[in-house]
Amino acid sequence: MEKVEKTEFGNIRVYKTTIATMVEKAICDIDGFKMLSNNIVKSLLKKFLGDDSPQGIKVEVLTNNELKIDIDCVLQYGYNIADVALTIQDKVKNTIESYSGIFVSEVNINVRNVAAYGSQIKEAQNVETDF
């Protein structure tokens, strides 16, 4: 699914994979962000179904043509999780809105793990914890 805007010259289509790639580029240089998290099962399904969007990012177009973005990530150990998550939310919202012109109503951050610099990361797969 994509966002389509009609202009006097034709249509402009912005696909969810494009938005997901923009999100990935926007957050990669944030202090405290380590990497996107992925689930092996979801990863295999995406490859099987031909979805080439970055793993760990889900973009949903809502009925009012606004975007809802979910980001599964691993943060760097030693950083304040709330501060890094807020920075990610702010940067994603501002980047997507300024580059695409599409309003972002939600940016949800799911911190799946923390990792020390240079350490191997063991993914917390299929574990759901509600606080």
N, C-alpha and C. Protein backbone atom coordinates (compact mmCIF):
# COMPACT_ATOMS: atom_id res chain seq x y z
N MET A 1 0.85 -1.18 0.00
CA MET A 1 0.00 0.00 0.00
C MET A 1 0.89 1.23 0.00
N GLU A 2 0.40 2.29 -0.60
CA GLU A 2 1.17 3.51 -0.69
C GLU A 2 0.27 4.72 -0.51
N LYS A 3 0.90 5.85 -0.31
CA LYS A 3 0.19 7.12 -0.25
C LYS A 3 0.26 7.71 -1.64
N VAL A 4 -0.90 8.05 -2.22
CA VAL A 4 -0.97 8.61 -3.57
C VAL A 4 -1.49 10.04 -3.49
N GLU A 5 -0.77 10.93 -4.14
CA GLU A 5 -1.22 12.31 -4.23
C GLU A 5 -1.33 12.66 -5.70
N LYS A 6 -2.47 13.21 -6.09
CA LYS A 6 -2.69 13.60 -7.48
C LYS A 6 -2.28 15.06 -7.64
N THR A 7 -1.51 15.32 -8.68
CA THR A 7 -1.11 16.68 -9.01
C THR A 7 -1.55 16.98 -10.43
N GLU A 8 -1.34 18.20 -10.86
CA GLU A 8 -1.71 18.55 -12.23
C GLU A 8 -0.84 17.83 -13.26
N PHE A 9 0.30 17.30 -12.85
CA PHE A 9 1.21 16.62 -13.76
C PHE A 9 1.09 15.11 -13.71
N GLY A 10 0.35 14.58 -12.75
CA GLY A 10 0.21 13.13 -12.60
C GLY A 10 0.14 12.76 -11.13
N ASN A 11 0.46 11.52 -10.85
CA ASN A 11 0.38 11.00 -9.48
C ASN A 11 1.76 10.92 -8.84
N ILE A 12 1.77 11.12 -7.53
CA ILE A 12 2.99 10.91 -6.74
C ILE A 12 2.67 9.80 -5.76
N ARG A 13 3.45 8.72 -5.80
CA ARG A 13 3.25 7.58 -4.91
C ARG A 13 4.44 7.47 -3.95
N VAL A 14 4.12 7.37 -2.68
CA VAL A 14 5.15 7.14 -1.66
C VAL A 14 4.80 5.81 -1.00
N TYR A 15 5.64 4.82 -1.21
CA TYR A 15 5.39 3.48 -0.68
C TYR A 15 5.87 3.37 0.76
N LYS A 16 5.25 2.42 1.48
CA LYS A 16 5.63 2.18 2.88
C LYS A 16 7.11 1.79 2.99
N THR A 17 7.62 1.07 2.02
CA THR A 17 9.04 0.69 2.06
C THR A 17 9.94 1.92 1.96
N THR A 18 9.49 2.93 1.22
CA THR A 18 10.24 4.18 1.12
C THR A 18 10.28 4.88 2.46
N ILE A 19 9.14 4.94 3.13
CA ILE A 19 9.07 5.57 4.45
C ILE A 19 9.96 4.81 5.44
N ALA A 20 9.89 3.47 5.41
CA ALA A 20 10.70 2.65 6.33
C ALA A 20 12.19 2.90 6.10
N THR A 21 12.61 3.03 4.86
CA THR A 21 14.02 3.30 4.56
C THR A 21 14.41 4.68 5.07
N MET A 22 13.51 5.66 4.93
CA MET A 22 13.78 7.00 5.46
C MET A 22 13.93 6.97 6.98
N VAL A 23 13.09 6.17 7.65
CA VAL A 23 13.18 6.02 9.10
C VAL A 23 14.55 5.44 9.47
N GLU A 24 14.93 4.39 8.77
CA GLU A 24 16.22 3.74 9.05
C GLU A 24 17.38 4.72 8.91
N LYS A 25 17.38 5.52 7.87
CA LYS A 25 18.46 6.50 7.64
C LYS A 25 18.44 7.58 8.72
N ALA A 26 17.24 7.97 9.16
CA ALA A 26 17.11 9.05 10.14
C ALA A 26 17.66 8.65 11.51
N ILE A 27 17.50 7.38 11.90
CA ILE A 27 17.85 7.00 13.27
C ILE A 27 19.24 6.40 13.42
N CYS A 28 19.91 6.10 12.32
CA CYS A 28 21.18 5.36 12.43
C CYS A 28 22.29 6.14 13.12
N ASP A 29 22.20 7.47 13.17
CA ASP A 29 23.27 8.25 13.79
C ASP A 29 22.90 8.83 15.16
N ILE A 30 21.81 8.37 15.73
CA ILE A 30 21.37 8.87 17.04
C ILE A 30 22.22 8.22 18.13
N ASP A 31 22.76 9.06 19.02
CA ASP A 31 23.54 8.54 20.15
C ASP A 31 22.65 7.65 21.02
N GLY A 32 23.13 6.47 21.30
CA GLY A 32 22.39 5.52 22.13
C GLY A 32 21.64 4.49 21.32
N PHE A 33 21.46 4.74 20.02
CA PHE A 33 20.81 3.75 19.15
C PHE A 33 21.86 2.76 18.68
N LYS A 34 21.57 1.47 18.82
CA LYS A 34 22.53 0.43 18.42
C LYS A 34 22.16 -0.18 17.08
N MET A 35 20.94 -0.70 16.98
CA MET A 35 20.53 -1.36 15.74
C MET A 35 19.03 -1.63 15.76
N LEU A 36 18.50 -1.92 14.58
CA LEU A 36 17.11 -2.36 14.49
C LEU A 36 17.05 -3.80 14.93
N SER A 37 15.98 -4.16 15.57
CA SER A 37 15.79 -5.53 16.03
C SER A 37 14.92 -6.26 15.03
N ASN A 38 15.21 -7.55 14.84
CA ASN A 38 14.35 -8.31 13.95
C ASN A 38 14.02 -9.66 14.57
N ASN A 39 12.94 -10.20 14.13
CA ASN A 39 12.49 -11.51 14.56
C ASN A 39 12.73 -12.45 13.39
N ILE A 40 13.35 -13.57 13.64
CA ILE A 40 13.71 -14.50 12.56
C ILE A 40 12.49 -14.93 11.76
N VAL A 41 11.38 -15.21 12.41
CA VAL A 41 10.18 -15.65 11.71
C VAL A 41 9.67 -14.53 10.80
N LYS A 42 9.59 -13.30 11.32
CA LYS A 42 9.14 -12.17 10.51
C LYS A 42 10.10 -11.94 9.35
N SER A 43 11.39 -12.07 9.62
CA SER A 43 12.39 -11.88 8.58
C SER A 43 12.20 -12.87 7.43
N LEU A 44 11.99 -14.13 7.76
CA LEU A 44 11.78 -15.14 6.73
C LEU A 44 10.49 -14.90 5.95
N LEU A 45 9.43 -14.52 6.65
CA LEU A 45 8.17 -14.22 5.97
C LEU A 45 8.32 -13.05 5.01
N LYS A 46 9.03 -12.01 5.44
CA LYS A 46 9.22 -10.85 4.57
C LYS A 46 10.00 -11.23 3.32
N LYS A 47 11.04 -12.06 3.49
CA LYS A 47 11.82 -12.48 2.33
C LYS A 47 10.97 -13.35 1.40
N PHE A 48 10.17 -14.23 1.99
CA PHE A 48 9.33 -15.11 1.20
C PHE A 48 8.27 -14.32 0.44
N LEU A 49 7.73 -13.28 1.08
CA LEU A 49 6.68 -12.48 0.47
C LEU A 49 7.22 -11.34 -0.40
N GLY A 50 8.54 -11.19 -0.42
CA GLY A 50 9.14 -10.18 -1.28
C GLY A 50 9.12 -8.76 -0.71
N ASP A 51 9.00 -8.62 0.58
CA ASP A 51 9.00 -7.31 1.22
C ASP A 51 10.45 -6.91 1.46
N ASP A 52 10.88 -5.79 0.89
CA ASP A 52 12.27 -5.37 1.03
C ASP A 52 12.45 -4.21 2.01
N SER A 53 11.45 -3.95 2.85
CA SER A 53 11.58 -2.87 3.82
C SER A 53 12.53 -3.28 4.94
N PRO A 54 13.17 -2.30 5.58
CA PRO A 54 14.10 -2.63 6.66
C PRO A 54 13.43 -3.41 7.78
N GLN A 55 14.13 -4.40 8.31
CA GLN A 55 13.61 -5.20 9.42
C GLN A 55 13.54 -4.33 10.66
N GLY A 56 12.50 -4.53 11.45
CA GLY A 56 12.34 -3.79 12.69
C GLY A 56 11.56 -2.50 12.55
N ILE A 57 11.08 -2.20 11.33
CA ILE A 57 10.29 -0.99 11.11
C ILE A 57 8.99 -1.39 10.43
N LYS A 58 7.88 -0.97 11.03
CA LYS A 58 6.56 -1.24 10.44
C LYS A 58 5.88 0.11 10.21
N VAL A 59 5.44 0.32 8.99
CA VAL A 59 4.74 1.55 8.63
C VAL A 59 3.30 1.19 8.28
N GLU A 60 2.37 1.90 8.89
CA GLU A 60 0.96 1.66 8.63
C GLU A 60 0.31 2.98 8.20
N VAL A 61 -0.44 2.93 7.10
CA VAL A 61 -1.18 4.09 6.64
C VAL A 61 -2.57 4.01 7.25
N LEU A 62 -2.92 4.99 8.07
CA LEU A 62 -4.20 5.01 8.75
C LEU A 62 -5.30 5.53 7.81
N THR A 63 -6.54 5.37 8.20
CA THR A 63 -7.67 5.74 7.35
C THR A 63 -7.68 7.22 6.99
N ASN A 64 -7.10 8.06 7.80
CA ASN A 64 -7.06 9.50 7.53
C ASN A 64 -5.78 9.92 6.79
N ASN A 65 -5.09 8.93 6.18
CA ASN A 65 -3.84 9.14 5.42
C ASN A 65 -2.68 9.65 6.29
N GLU A 66 -2.76 9.38 7.57
CA GLU A 66 -1.64 9.66 8.46
C GLU A 66 -0.85 8.38 8.64
N LEU A 67 0.37 8.50 9.13
CA LEU A 67 1.22 7.34 9.31
C LEU A 67 1.36 6.96 10.78
N LYS A 68 1.39 5.67 11.01
CA LYS A 68 1.74 5.11 12.31
C LYS A 68 3.00 4.28 12.06
N ILE A 69 4.05 4.55 12.82
CA ILE A 69 5.33 3.88 12.63
C ILE A 69 5.73 3.17 13.91
N ASP A 70 6.04 1.87 13.80
CA ASP A 70 6.53 1.07 14.92
C ASP A 70 7.97 0.70 14.65
N ILE A 71 8.83 0.92 15.64
CA ILE A 71 10.25 0.63 15.50
C ILE A 71 10.69 -0.31 16.61
N ASP A 72 11.19 -1.50 16.24
CA ASP A 72 11.79 -2.44 17.19
C ASP A 72 13.29 -2.23 17.13
N CYS A 73 13.88 -1.93 18.28
CA CYS A 73 15.31 -1.59 18.25
C CYS A 73 16.06 -2.10 19.47
N VAL A 74 17.36 -2.07 19.33
CA VAL A 74 18.30 -2.38 20.41
C VAL A 74 19.05 -1.08 20.68
N LEU A 75 19.12 -0.71 21.95
CA LEU A 75 19.81 0.52 22.32
C LEU A 75 21.16 0.22 22.94
N GLN A 76 22.00 1.23 22.95
CA GLN A 76 23.34 1.12 23.51
C GLN A 76 23.24 1.16 25.04
N TYR A 77 23.89 0.22 25.71
CA TYR A 77 23.91 0.18 27.17
C TYR A 77 24.59 1.45 27.69
N GLY A 78 24.05 2.01 28.76
CA GLY A 78 24.63 3.18 29.39
C GLY A 78 23.91 4.47 29.04
N TYR A 79 22.98 4.42 28.11
CA TYR A 79 22.19 5.59 27.75
C TYR A 79 20.81 5.50 28.41
N ASN A 80 20.22 6.63 28.68
CA ASN A 80 18.89 6.67 29.25
C ASN A 80 17.89 6.24 28.17
N ILE A 81 17.19 5.14 28.41
CA ILE A 81 16.28 4.57 27.42
C ILE A 81 15.19 5.56 27.02
N ALA A 82 14.58 6.22 27.99
CA ALA A 82 13.51 7.17 27.68
C ALA A 82 14.01 8.33 26.83
N ASP A 83 15.20 8.84 27.14
CA ASP A 83 15.77 9.95 26.36
C ASP A 83 16.06 9.54 24.92
N VAL A 84 16.66 8.36 24.75
CA VAL A 84 16.98 7.89 23.39
C VAL A 84 15.69 7.63 22.61
N ALA A 85 14.72 7.00 23.25
CA ALA A 85 13.45 6.72 22.58
C ALA A 85 12.75 8.02 22.16
N LEU A 86 12.75 9.02 23.02
CA LEU A 86 12.14 10.31 22.70
C LEU A 86 12.88 10.98 21.53
N THR A 87 14.20 10.88 21.52
CA THR A 87 14.99 11.44 20.42
C THR A 87 14.65 10.74 19.11
N ILE A 88 14.51 9.41 19.15
CA ILE A 88 14.13 8.65 17.95
C ILE A 88 12.76 9.10 17.46
N GLN A 89 11.79 9.19 18.38
CA GLN A 89 10.44 9.61 18.00
C GLN A 89 10.46 10.99 17.32
N ASP A 90 11.15 11.92 17.93
CA ASP A 90 11.20 13.28 17.42
C ASP A 90 11.87 13.33 16.05
N LYS A 91 12.99 12.64 15.91
CA LYS A 91 13.72 12.68 14.64
C LYS A 91 12.93 12.00 13.53
N VAL A 92 12.30 10.87 13.83
CA VAL A 92 11.51 10.17 12.82
C VAL A 92 10.33 11.04 12.37
N LYS A 93 9.59 11.57 13.32
CA LYS A 93 8.42 12.40 12.98
C LYS A 93 8.84 13.60 12.12
N ASN A 94 9.86 14.32 12.55
CA ASN A 94 10.29 15.51 11.82
C ASN A 94 10.85 15.16 10.45
N THR A 95 11.63 14.11 10.35
CA THR A 95 12.22 13.72 9.07
C THR A 95 11.15 13.31 8.07
N ILE A 96 10.26 12.43 8.48
CA ILE A 96 9.23 11.94 7.56
C ILE A 96 8.31 13.07 7.12
N GLU A 97 7.88 13.90 8.06
CA GLU A 97 6.98 14.99 7.71
C GLU A 97 7.65 16.03 6.81
N SER A 98 8.91 16.34 7.07
CA SER A 98 9.56 17.38 6.26
C SER A 98 9.95 16.87 4.87
N TYR A 99 10.34 15.60 4.75
CA TYR A 99 10.75 15.08 3.45
C TYR A 99 9.59 14.55 2.60
N SER A 100 8.53 14.07 3.24
CA SER A 100 7.43 13.47 2.46
C SER A 100 6.17 14.31 2.45
N GLY A 101 6.01 15.18 3.43
CA GLY A 101 4.79 15.96 3.53
C GLY A 101 3.62 15.17 4.11
N ILE A 102 3.89 13.97 4.62
CA ILE A 102 2.85 13.13 5.18
C ILE A 102 2.89 13.26 6.70
N PHE A 103 1.74 13.50 7.32
CA PHE A 103 1.66 13.66 8.76
C PHE A 103 1.87 12.32 9.46
N VAL A 104 2.70 12.32 10.49
CA VAL A 104 2.96 11.13 11.30
C VAL A 104 2.24 11.31 12.62
N SER A 105 1.23 10.46 12.87
CA SER A 105 0.44 10.59 14.10
C SER A 105 1.05 9.82 15.26
N GLU A 106 1.79 8.73 14.98
CA GLU A 106 2.39 7.92 16.05
C GLU A 106 3.75 7.40 15.63
N VAL A 107 4.70 7.44 16.56
CA VAL A 107 5.97 6.74 16.41
C VAL A 107 6.16 5.94 17.69
N ASN A 108 5.98 4.63 17.59
CA ASN A 108 6.08 3.75 18.75
C ASN A 108 7.45 3.07 18.76
N ILE A 109 8.12 3.17 19.90
CA ILE A 109 9.45 2.60 20.04
C ILE A 109 9.35 1.38 20.95
N ASN A 110 9.80 0.24 20.45
CA ASN A 110 9.85 -1.00 21.23
C ASN A 110 11.30 -1.37 21.44
N VAL A 111 11.79 -1.15 22.66
CA VAL A 111 13.18 -1.45 22.97
C VAL A 111 13.26 -2.93 23.32
N ARG A 112 13.85 -3.72 22.43
CA ARG A 112 13.91 -5.17 22.57
C ARG A 112 15.12 -5.63 23.39
N ASN A 113 16.15 -4.80 23.46
CA ASN A 113 17.35 -5.20 24.18
C ASN A 113 18.28 -4.00 24.31
N VAL A 114 19.30 -4.14 25.13
CA VAL A 114 20.39 -3.18 25.20
C VAL A 114 21.69 -3.95 24.98
N ALA A 115 22.67 -3.27 24.45
CA ALA A 115 23.94 -3.94 24.15
C ALA A 115 25.10 -3.02 24.47
N ALA A 116 26.15 -3.61 25.00
CA ALA A 116 27.38 -2.87 25.24
C ALA A 116 28.10 -2.68 23.92
N TYR A 117 28.93 -1.68 23.84
CA TYR A 117 29.66 -1.39 22.61
C TYR A 117 30.47 -2.60 22.16
N GLY A 118 30.27 -3.00 20.92
CA GLY A 118 31.04 -4.10 20.34
C GLY A 118 30.58 -5.49 20.76
N SER A 119 29.56 -5.58 21.60
CA SER A 119 29.14 -6.90 22.07
C SER A 119 28.20 -7.56 21.08
N GLN A 120 28.14 -8.88 21.16
CA GLN A 120 27.17 -9.62 20.37
C GLN A 120 25.82 -9.49 21.06
N ILE A 121 24.77 -9.46 20.27
CA ILE A 121 23.43 -9.25 20.82
C ILE A 121 22.62 -10.52 20.65
N LYS A 122 22.08 -10.98 21.75
CA LYS A 122 21.17 -12.12 21.71
C LYS A 122 19.76 -11.55 21.70
N GLU A 123 19.06 -11.79 20.61
CA GLU A 123 17.72 -11.23 20.46
C GLU A 123 16.74 -11.87 21.44
N ALA A 124 15.87 -11.07 21.97
CA ALA A 124 14.79 -11.56 22.82
C ALA A 124 13.61 -11.84 21.90
N GLN A 125 13.59 -13.02 21.33
CA GLN A 125 12.57 -13.37 20.37
C GLN A 125 11.41 -14.06 21.04
N ASN A 126 10.24 -13.72 20.55
CA ASN A 126 8.99 -14.32 21.02
C ASN A 126 8.79 -14.14 22.52
N VAL A 127 9.32 -13.06 23.05
CA VAL A 127 9.12 -12.77 24.46
C VAL A 127 8.35 -11.47 24.55
N GLU A 128 7.18 -11.52 25.12
CA GLU A 128 6.38 -10.31 25.30
C GLU A 128 6.26 -10.06 26.80
N THR A 129 6.65 -8.87 27.21
CA THR A 129 6.57 -8.51 28.62
C THR A 129 5.79 -7.22 28.74
N ASP A 130 4.75 -7.23 29.51
CA ASP A 130 3.98 -6.01 29.77
C ASP A 130 4.30 -5.55 31.18
N PHE A 131 4.58 -4.27 31.30
CA PHE A 131 4.89 -3.71 32.61
C PHE A 131 3.66 -3.09 33.20
